[in-house]
PDB file of all heavy atoms in Angstrom:
ATOM      1  N   PRO A   1     -62.136-194.277-143.712  1.00  0.00           N
ATOM      2  CA  PRO A   1     -63.338-193.704-143.116  1.00  0.00           C
ATOM      3  C   PRO A   1     -63.131-192.343-142.478  1.00  0.00           C
ATOM      4  O   PRO A   1     -64.042-191.511-142.498  1.00  0.00           O
ATOM      5  CB  PRO A   1     -63.756-194.755-142.080  1.00  0.00           C
ATOM      6  CG  PRO A   1     -62.520-195.561-141.818  1.00  0.00           C
ATOM      7  CD  PRO A   1     -61.767-195.568-143.104  1.00  0.00           C
ATOM      8  N   GLN A   2     -61.944-192.082-141.916  1.00  0.00           N
ATOM      9  CA  GLN A   2     -61.745-190.780-141.284  1.00  0.00           C
ATOM     10  C   GLN A   2     -61.807-189.651-142.304  1.00  0.00           C
ATOM     11  O   GLN A   2     -62.377-188.590-142.045  1.00  0.00           O
ATOM     12  CB  GLN A   2     -60.422-190.751-140.530  1.00  0.00           C
ATOM     13  CG  GLN A   2     -60.431-191.594-139.256  1.00  0.00           C
ATOM     14  CD  GLN A   2     -59.229-191.321-138.377  1.00  0.00           C
ATOM     15  OE1 GLN A   2     -58.234-190.743-138.817  1.00  0.00           O
ATOM     16  NE2 GLN A   2     -59.296-191.732-137.126  1.00  0.00           N
ATOM     17  N   VAL A   3     -61.218-189.879-143.479  1.00  0.00           N
ATOM     18  CA  VAL A   3     -61.238-188.844-144.519  1.00  0.00           C
ATOM     19  C   VAL A   3     -62.597-188.820-145.219  1.00  0.00           C
ATOM     20  O   VAL A   3     -63.195-187.759-145.412  1.00  0.00           O
ATOM     21  CB  VAL A   3     -60.106-189.085-145.540  1.00  0.00           C
ATOM     22  CG1 VAL A   3     -60.249-188.137-146.724  1.00  0.00           C
ATOM     23  CG2 VAL A   3     -58.750-188.890-144.874  1.00  0.00           C
ATOM     24  N   VAL A   4     -63.093-189.978-145.595  1.00  0.00           N
ATOM     25  CA  VAL A   4     -64.335-190.039-146.369  1.00  0.00           C
ATOM     26  C   VAL A   4     -65.514-189.501-145.563  1.00  0.00           C
ATOM     27  O   VAL A   4     -66.298-188.680-146.045  1.00  0.00           O
ATOM     28  CB  VAL A   4     -64.606-191.484-146.833  1.00  0.00           C
ATOM     29  CG1 VAL A   4     -65.986-191.593-147.478  1.00  0.00           C
ATOM     30  CG2 VAL A   4     -63.533-191.926-147.821  1.00  0.00           C
ATOM     31  N   GLU A   5     -65.635-189.947-144.335  1.00  0.00           N
ATOM     32  CA  GLU A   5     -66.775-189.522-143.512  1.00  0.00           C
ATOM     33  C   GLU A   5     -66.488-188.238-142.755  1.00  0.00           C
ATOM     34  O   GLU A   5     -67.382-187.409-142.564  1.00  0.00           O
ATOM     35  CB  GLU A   5     -67.154-190.649-142.549  1.00  0.00           C
ATOM     36  CG  GLU A   5     -67.610-191.901-143.268  1.00  0.00           C
ATOM     37  CD  GLU A   5     -68.062-193.022-142.356  1.00  0.00           C
ATOM     38  OE1 GLU A   5     -67.821-192.924-141.131  1.00  0.00           O
ATOM     39  OE2 GLU A   5     -68.665-193.994-142.858  1.00  0.00           O
ATOM     40  N   GLY A   6     -65.227-188.057-142.328  1.00  0.00           N
ATOM     41  CA  GLY A   6     -64.903-186.876-141.545  1.00  0.00           C
ATOM     42  C   GLY A   6     -64.681-185.632-142.376  1.00  0.00           C
ATOM     43  O   GLY A   6     -65.074-184.533-141.977  1.00  0.00           O
ATOM     44  N   LEU A   7     -64.062-185.790-143.550  1.00  0.00           N
ATOM     45  CA  LEU A   7     -63.734-184.629-144.388  1.00  0.00           C
ATOM     46  C   LEU A   7     -64.701-184.451-145.546  1.00  0.00           C
ATOM     47  O   LEU A   7     -65.143-183.333-145.832  1.00  0.00           O
ATOM     48  CB  LEU A   7     -62.309-184.776-144.932  1.00  0.00           C
ATOM     49  CG  LEU A   7     -61.772-183.609-145.767  1.00  0.00           C
ATOM     50  CD1 LEU A   7     -61.665-182.347-144.920  1.00  0.00           C
ATOM     51  CD2 LEU A   7     -60.397-183.965-146.348  1.00  0.00           C
ATOM     52  N   GLN A   8     -65.040-185.553-146.215  1.00  0.00           N
ATOM     53  CA  GLN A   8     -65.911-185.461-147.388  1.00  0.00           C
ATOM     54  C   GLN A   8     -67.388-185.560-147.032  1.00  0.00           C
ATOM     55  O   GLN A   8     -68.249-185.225-147.855  1.00  0.00           O
ATOM     56  CB  GLN A   8     -65.560-186.563-148.399  1.00  0.00           C
ATOM     57  CG  GLN A   8     -64.082-186.626-148.780  1.00  0.00           C
ATOM     58  CD  GLN A   8     -63.573-185.367-149.467  1.00  0.00           C
ATOM     59  OE1 GLN A   8     -64.348-184.485-149.816  1.00  0.00           O
ATOM     60  NE2 GLN A   8     -62.267-185.269-149.634  1.00  0.00           N
ATOM     61  N   GLY A   9     -67.703-186.059-145.837  1.00  0.00           N
ATOM     62  CA  GLY A   9     -69.099-186.168-145.433  1.00  0.00           C
ATOM     63  C   GLY A   9     -69.874-187.210-146.213  1.00  0.00           C
ATOM     64  O   GLY A   9     -71.095-187.104-146.372  1.00  0.00           O
ATOM     65  N   ARG A  10     -69.163-188.240-146.689  1.00  0.00           N
ATOM     66  CA  ARG A  10     -69.796-189.307-147.438  1.00  0.00           C
ATOM     67  C   ARG A  10     -69.699-190.606-146.635  1.00  0.00           C
ATOM     68  O   ARG A  10     -68.724-190.818-145.912  1.00  0.00           O
ATOM     69  CB  ARG A  10     -69.107-189.509-148.801  1.00  0.00           C
ATOM     70  CG  ARG A  10     -69.008-188.245-149.641  1.00  0.00           C
ATOM     71  CD  ARG A  10     -70.379-187.722-150.014  1.00  0.00           C
ATOM     72  NE  ARG A  10     -71.130-188.709-150.767  1.00  0.00           N
ATOM     73  CZ  ARG A  10     -72.431-188.630-150.996  1.00  0.00           C
ATOM     74  NH1 ARG A  10     -73.145-187.626-150.465  1.00  0.00           N
ATOM     75  NH2 ARG A  10     -73.041-189.548-151.708  1.00  0.00           N
ATOM     76  N   PRO A  11     -70.665-191.501-146.767  1.00  0.00           N
ATOM     77  CA  PRO A  11     -70.572-192.785-146.058  1.00  0.00           C
ATOM     78  C   PRO A  11     -69.457-193.640-146.639  1.00  0.00           C
ATOM     79  O   PRO A  11     -69.210-193.629-147.850  1.00  0.00           O
ATOM     80  CB  PRO A  11     -71.945-193.420-146.270  1.00  0.00           C
ATOM     81  CG  PRO A  11     -72.493-192.763-147.506  1.00  0.00           C
ATOM     82  CD  PRO A  11     -71.946-191.369-147.512  1.00  0.00           C
ATOM     83  N   PHE A  12     -68.785-194.391-145.787  1.00  0.00           N
ATOM     84  CA  PHE A  12     -67.663-195.212-146.235  1.00  0.00           C
ATOM     85  C   PHE A  12     -68.072-196.651-146.527  1.00  0.00           C
ATOM     86  O   PHE A  12     -67.319-197.392-147.147  1.00  0.00           O
ATOM     87  CB  PHE A  12     -66.553-195.211-145.168  1.00  0.00           C
ATOM     88  CG  PHE A  12     -65.305-195.926-145.619  1.00  0.00           C
ATOM     89  CD1 PHE A  12     -64.475-195.371-146.592  1.00  0.00           C
ATOM     90  CD2 PHE A  12     -64.960-197.162-145.076  1.00  0.00           C
ATOM     91  CE1 PHE A  12     -63.337-196.037-147.013  1.00  0.00           C
ATOM     92  CE2 PHE A  12     -63.818-197.832-145.492  1.00  0.00           C
ATOM     93  CZ  PHE A  12     -63.000-197.260-146.458  1.00  0.00           C
ATOM     94  N   ARG A  13     -69.252-197.059-146.117  1.00  0.00           N
ATOM     95  CA  ARG A  13     -69.647-198.459-146.246  1.00  0.00           C
ATOM     96  C   ARG A  13     -69.550-198.941-147.703  1.00  0.00           C
ATOM     97  O   ARG A  13     -69.696-198.175-148.634  1.00  0.00           O
ATOM     98  CB  ARG A  13     -71.076-198.669-145.738  1.00  0.00           C
ATOM     99  CG  ARG A  13     -72.151-197.993-146.565  1.00  0.00           C
ATOM    100  CD  ARG A  13     -73.540-198.207-145.985  1.00  0.00           C
ATOM    101  NE  ARG A  13     -74.581-197.617-146.818  1.00  0.00           N
ATOM    102  CZ  ARG A  13     -74.943-196.351-146.790  1.00  0.00           C
ATOM    103  NH1 ARG A  13     -74.342-195.509-145.944  1.00  0.00           N
ATOM    104  NH2 ARG A  13     -75.902-195.902-147.592  1.00  0.00           N
ATOM    105  N   ALA A  14     -69.277-200.226-147.833  1.00  0.00           N
ATOM    106  CA  ALA A  14     -69.166-200.883-149.140  1.00  0.00           C
ATOM    107  C   ALA A  14     -68.196-200.162-150.082  1.00  0.00           C
ATOM    108  O   ALA A  14     -68.537-199.850-151.221  1.00  0.00           O
ATOM    109  CB  ALA A  14     -70.539-201.001-149.799  1.00  0.00           C
ATOM    110  N   PRO A  15     -66.956-199.901-149.644  1.00  0.00           N
ATOM    111  CA  PRO A  15     -66.020-199.155-150.498  1.00  0.00           C
ATOM    112  C   PRO A  15     -65.697-199.846-151.815  1.00  0.00           C
ATOM    113  O   PRO A  15     -65.520-199.181-152.834  1.00  0.00           O
ATOM    114  CB  PRO A  15     -64.778-199.004-149.614  1.00  0.00           C
ATOM    115  CG  PRO A  15     -64.884-200.103-148.612  1.00  0.00           C
ATOM    116  CD  PRO A  15     -66.347-200.268-148.357  1.00  0.00           C
ATOM    117  N   LEU A  16     -65.626-201.180-151.812  1.00  0.00           N
ATOM    118  CA  LEU A  16     -65.295-201.868-153.059  1.00  0.00           C
ATOM    119  C   LEU A  16     -66.424-201.738-154.074  1.00  0.00           C
ATOM    120  O   LEU A  16     -66.168-201.560-155.276  1.00  0.00           O
ATOM    121  CB  LEU A  16     -64.991-203.342-152.788  1.00  0.00           C
ATOM    122  CG  LEU A  16     -64.651-204.194-154.014  1.00  0.00           C
ATOM    123  CD1 LEU A  16     -63.513-203.578-154.822  1.00  0.00           C
ATOM    124  CD2 LEU A  16     -64.305-205.623-153.594  1.00  0.00           C
ATOM    125  N   THR A  17     -67.661-201.819-153.627  1.00  0.00           N
ATOM    126  CA  THR A  17     -68.790-201.615-154.541  1.00  0.00           C
ATOM    127  C   THR A  17     -68.751-200.219-155.132  1.00  0.00           C
ATOM    128  O   THR A  17     -68.978-200.029-156.335  1.00  0.00           O
ATOM    129  CB  THR A  17     -70.120-201.844-153.812  1.00  0.00           C
ATOM    130  OG1 THR A  17     -70.157-203.181-153.305  1.00  0.00           O
ATOM    131  CG2 THR A  17     -71.303-201.635-154.749  1.00  0.00           C
ATOM    132  N   ARG A  18     -68.438-199.238-154.308  1.00  0.00           N
ATOM    133  CA  ARG A  18     -68.325-197.859-154.808  1.00  0.00           C
ATOM    134  C   ARG A  18     -67.198-197.747-155.831  1.00  0.00           C
ATOM    135  O   ARG A  18     -67.321-197.051-156.838  1.00  0.00           O
ATOM    136  CB  ARG A  18     -68.088-196.900-153.640  1.00  0.00           C
ATOM    137  CG  ARG A  18     -69.262-196.802-152.671  1.00  0.00           C
ATOM    138  CD  ARG A  18     -68.896-195.924-151.466  1.00  0.00           C
ATOM    139  NE  ARG A  18     -69.932-195.955-150.462  1.00  0.00           N
ATOM    140  CZ  ARG A  18     -70.998-195.152-150.445  1.00  0.00           C
ATOM    141  NH1 ARG A  18     -71.141-194.252-151.412  1.00  0.00           N
ATOM    142  NH2 ARG A  18     -71.900-195.238-149.503  1.00  0.00           N
ATOM    143  N   MET A  19     -66.096-198.435-155.570  1.00  0.00           N
ATOM    144  CA  MET A  19     -64.987-198.400-156.517  1.00  0.00           C
ATOM    145  C   MET A  19     -65.395-199.028-157.850  1.00  0.00           C
ATOM    146  O   MET A  19     -65.128-198.467-158.927  1.00  0.00           O
ATOM    147  CB  MET A  19     -63.787-199.158-155.940  1.00  0.00           C
ATOM    148  CG  MET A  19     -62.613-199.300-156.901  1.00  0.00           C
ATOM    149  SD  MET A  19     -61.736-197.759-157.159  1.00  0.00           S
ATOM    150  CE  MET A  19     -60.620-197.860-155.740  1.00  0.00           C
ATOM    151  N   ARG A  20     -66.034-200.182-157.798  1.00  0.00           N
ATOM    152  CA  ARG A  20     -66.477-200.844-159.036  1.00  0.00           C
ATOM    153  C   ARG A  20     -67.391-199.922-159.838  1.00  0.00           C
ATOM    154  O   ARG A  20     -67.248-199.794-161.065  1.00  0.00           O
ATOM    155  CB  ARG A  20     -67.226-202.131-158.702  1.00  0.00           C
ATOM    156  CG  ARG A  20     -66.362-203.299-158.271  1.00  0.00           C
ATOM    157  CD  ARG A  20     -67.226-204.503-157.970  1.00  0.00           C
ATOM    158  NE  ARG A  20     -66.458-205.672-157.599  1.00  0.00           N
ATOM    159  CZ  ARG A  20     -65.945-206.540-158.457  1.00  0.00           C
ATOM    160  NH1 ARG A  20     -66.153-206.354-159.756  1.00  0.00           N
ATOM    161  NH2 ARG A  20     -65.247-207.588-158.055  1.00  0.00           N
ATOM    162  N   GLU A  21     -68.350-199.310-159.163  1.00  0.00           N
ATOM    163  CA  GLU A  21     -69.300-198.451-159.864  1.00  0.00           C
ATOM    164  C   GLU A  21     -68.597-197.241-160.464  1.00  0.00           C
ATOM    165  O   GLU A  21     -68.906-196.815-161.593  1.00  0.00           O
ATOM    166  CB  GLU A  21     -70.420-198.032-158.911  1.00  0.00           C
ATOM    167  CG  GLU A  21     -71.316-199.189-158.492  1.00  0.00           C
ATOM    168  CD  GLU A  21     -72.500-198.752-157.657  1.00  0.00           C
ATOM    169  OE1 GLU A  21     -72.728-197.527-157.504  1.00  0.00           O
ATOM    170  OE2 GLU A  21     -73.231-199.631-157.154  1.00  0.00           O
ATOM    171  N   THR A  22     -67.661-196.687-159.719  1.00  0.00           N
ATOM    172  CA  THR A  22     -66.912-195.535-160.237  1.00  0.00           C
ATOM    173  C   THR A  22     -66.153-195.918-161.502  1.00  0.00           C
ATOM    174  O   THR A  22     -66.205-195.212-162.523  1.00  0.00           O
ATOM    175  CB  THR A  22     -65.933-195.017-159.174  1.00  0.00           C
ATOM    176  OG1 THR A  22     -66.671-194.518-158.050  1.00  0.00           O
ATOM    177  CG2 THR A  22     -65.070-193.893-159.733  1.00  0.00           C
ATOM    178  N   VAL A  23     -65.438-197.034-161.465  1.00  0.00           N
ATOM    179  CA  VAL A  23     -64.666-197.466-162.635  1.00  0.00           C
ATOM    180  C   VAL A  23     -65.590-197.771-163.807  1.00  0.00           C
ATOM    181  O   VAL A  23     -65.296-197.418-164.962  1.00  0.00           O
ATOM    182  CB  VAL A  23     -63.787-198.682-162.282  1.00  0.00           C
ATOM    183  CG1 VAL A  23     -63.129-199.262-163.535  1.00  0.00           C
ATOM    184  CG2 VAL A  23     -62.724-198.291-161.260  1.00  0.00           C
ATOM    185  N   ASP A  24     -66.731-198.401-163.539  1.00  0.00           N
ATOM    186  CA  ASP A  24     -67.689-198.693-164.615  1.00  0.00           C
ATOM    187  C   ASP A  24     -68.135-197.406-165.318  1.00  0.00           C
ATOM    188  O   ASP A  24     -68.174-197.338-166.556  1.00  0.00           O
ATOM    189  CB  ASP A  24     -68.922-199.404-164.050  1.00  0.00           C
ATOM    190  CG  ASP A  24     -68.659-200.845-163.651  1.00  0.00           C
ATOM    191  OD1 ASP A  24     -67.605-201.383-164.032  1.00  0.00           O
ATOM    192  OD2 ASP A  24     -69.515-201.420-162.947  1.00  0.00           O
ATOM    193  N   ILE A  25     -68.485-196.404-164.532  1.00  0.00           N
ATOM    194  CA  ILE A  25     -68.992-195.154-165.106  1.00  0.00           C
ATOM    195  C   ILE A  25     -67.878-194.416-165.831  1.00  0.00           C
ATOM    196  O   ILE A  25     -68.078-193.870-166.935  1.00  0.00           O
ATOM    197  CB  ILE A  25     -69.621-194.277-164.005  1.00  0.00           C
ATOM    198  CG1 ILE A  25     -70.869-194.968-163.447  1.00  0.00           C
ATOM    199  CG2 ILE A  25     -69.973-192.886-164.539  1.00  0.00           C
ATOM    200  CD1 ILE A  25     -71.418-194.331-162.184  1.00  0.00           C
ATOM    201  N   VAL A  26     -66.692-194.404-165.250  1.00  0.00           N
ATOM    202  CA  VAL A  26     -65.553-193.750-165.902  1.00  0.00           C
ATOM    203  C   VAL A  26     -65.263-194.405-167.246  1.00  0.00           C
ATOM    204  O   VAL A  26     -65.021-193.726-168.254  1.00  0.00           O
ATOM    205  CB  VAL A  26     -64.314-193.802-164.982  1.00  0.00           C
ATOM    206  CG1 VAL A  26     -63.051-193.457-165.762  1.00  0.00           C
ATOM    207  CG2 VAL A  26     -64.483-192.836-163.812  1.00  0.00           C
ATOM    208  N   ARG A  27     -65.320-195.713-167.299  1.00  0.00           N
ATOM    209  CA  ARG A  27     -65.040-196.397-168.565  1.00  0.00           C
ATOM    210  C   ARG A  27     -66.113-196.101-169.613  1.00  0.00           C
ATOM    211  O   ARG A  27     -65.810-196.031-170.808  1.00  0.00           O
ATOM    212  CB  ARG A  27     -64.904-197.901-168.332  1.00  0.00           C
ATOM    213  CG  ARG A  27     -63.632-198.281-167.569  1.00  0.00           C
ATOM    214  CD  ARG A  27     -63.228-199.704-167.867  1.00  0.00           C
ATOM    215  NE  ARG A  27     -62.111-200.162-167.043  1.00  0.00           N
ATOM    216  CZ  ARG A  27     -60.837-199.904-167.270  1.00  0.00           C
ATOM    217  NH1 ARG A  27     -60.495-199.148-168.308  1.00  0.00           N
ATOM    218  NH2 ARG A  27     -59.888-200.385-166.474  1.00  0.00           N
ATOM    219  N   LEU A  28     -67.364-195.952-169.195  1.00  0.00           N
ATOM    220  CA  LEU A  28     -68.404-195.536-170.140  1.00  0.00           C
ATOM    221  C   LEU A  28     -68.042-194.189-170.769  1.00  0.00           C
ATOM    222  O   LEU A  28     -68.158-194.004-171.984  1.00  0.00           O
ATOM    223  CB  LEU A  28     -69.756-195.430-169.434  1.00  0.00           C
ATOM    224  CG  LEU A  28     -70.493-196.720-169.092  1.00  0.00           C
ATOM    225  CD1 LEU A  28     -71.738-196.399-168.254  1.00  0.00           C
ATOM    226  CD2 LEU A  28     -70.898-197.465-170.364  1.00  0.00           C
ATOM    227  N   ALA A  29     -67.611-193.263-169.922  1.00  0.00           N
ATOM    228  CA  ALA A  29     -67.241-191.942-170.425  1.00  0.00           C
ATOM    229  C   ALA A  29     -66.013-192.015-171.324  1.00  0.00           C
ATOM    230  O   ALA A  29     -65.956-191.369-172.382  1.00  0.00           O
ATOM    231  CB  ALA A  29     -66.988-190.994-169.251  1.00  0.00           C
ATOM    232  N   PHE A  30     -65.016-192.813-170.922  1.00  0.00           N
ATOM    233  CA  PHE A  30     -63.809-192.949-171.731  1.00  0.00           C
ATOM    234  C   PHE A  30     -64.127-193.541-173.101  1.00  0.00           C
ATOM    235  O   PHE A  30     -63.459-193.231-174.092  1.00  0.00           O
ATOM    236  CB  PHE A  30     -62.789-193.851-171.028  1.00  0.00           C
ATOM    237  CG  PHE A  30     -62.067-193.198-169.875  1.00  0.00           C
ATOM    238  CD1 PHE A  30     -62.335-191.904-169.490  1.00  0.00           C
ATOM    239  CD2 PHE A  30     -61.101-193.908-169.170  1.00  0.00           C
ATOM    240  CE1 PHE A  30     -61.671-191.308-168.426  1.00  0.00           C
ATOM    241  CE2 PHE A  30     -60.415-193.333-168.127  1.00  0.00           C
ATOM    242  CZ  PHE A  30     -60.701-192.029-167.742  1.00  0.00           C
ATOM    243  N   ALA A  31     -65.140-194.387-173.164  1.00  0.00           N
ATOM    244  CA  ALA A  31     -65.527-195.014-174.432  1.00  0.00           C
ATOM    245  C   ALA A  31     -66.357-194.090-175.305  1.00  0.00           C
ATOM    246  O   ALA A  31     -66.689-194.441-176.451  1.00  0.00           O
ATOM    247  CB  ALA A  31     -66.300-196.301-174.157  1.00  0.00           C
TER     248      ALA A  31
END
């Protein structure tokens, strides 16, 4: 949270959901 919210200015809540969505989208592009 210190880096994500303090440096990137993005909310940190639900990090695992964000990770799942990121991997899903990346795999679409890789395919």
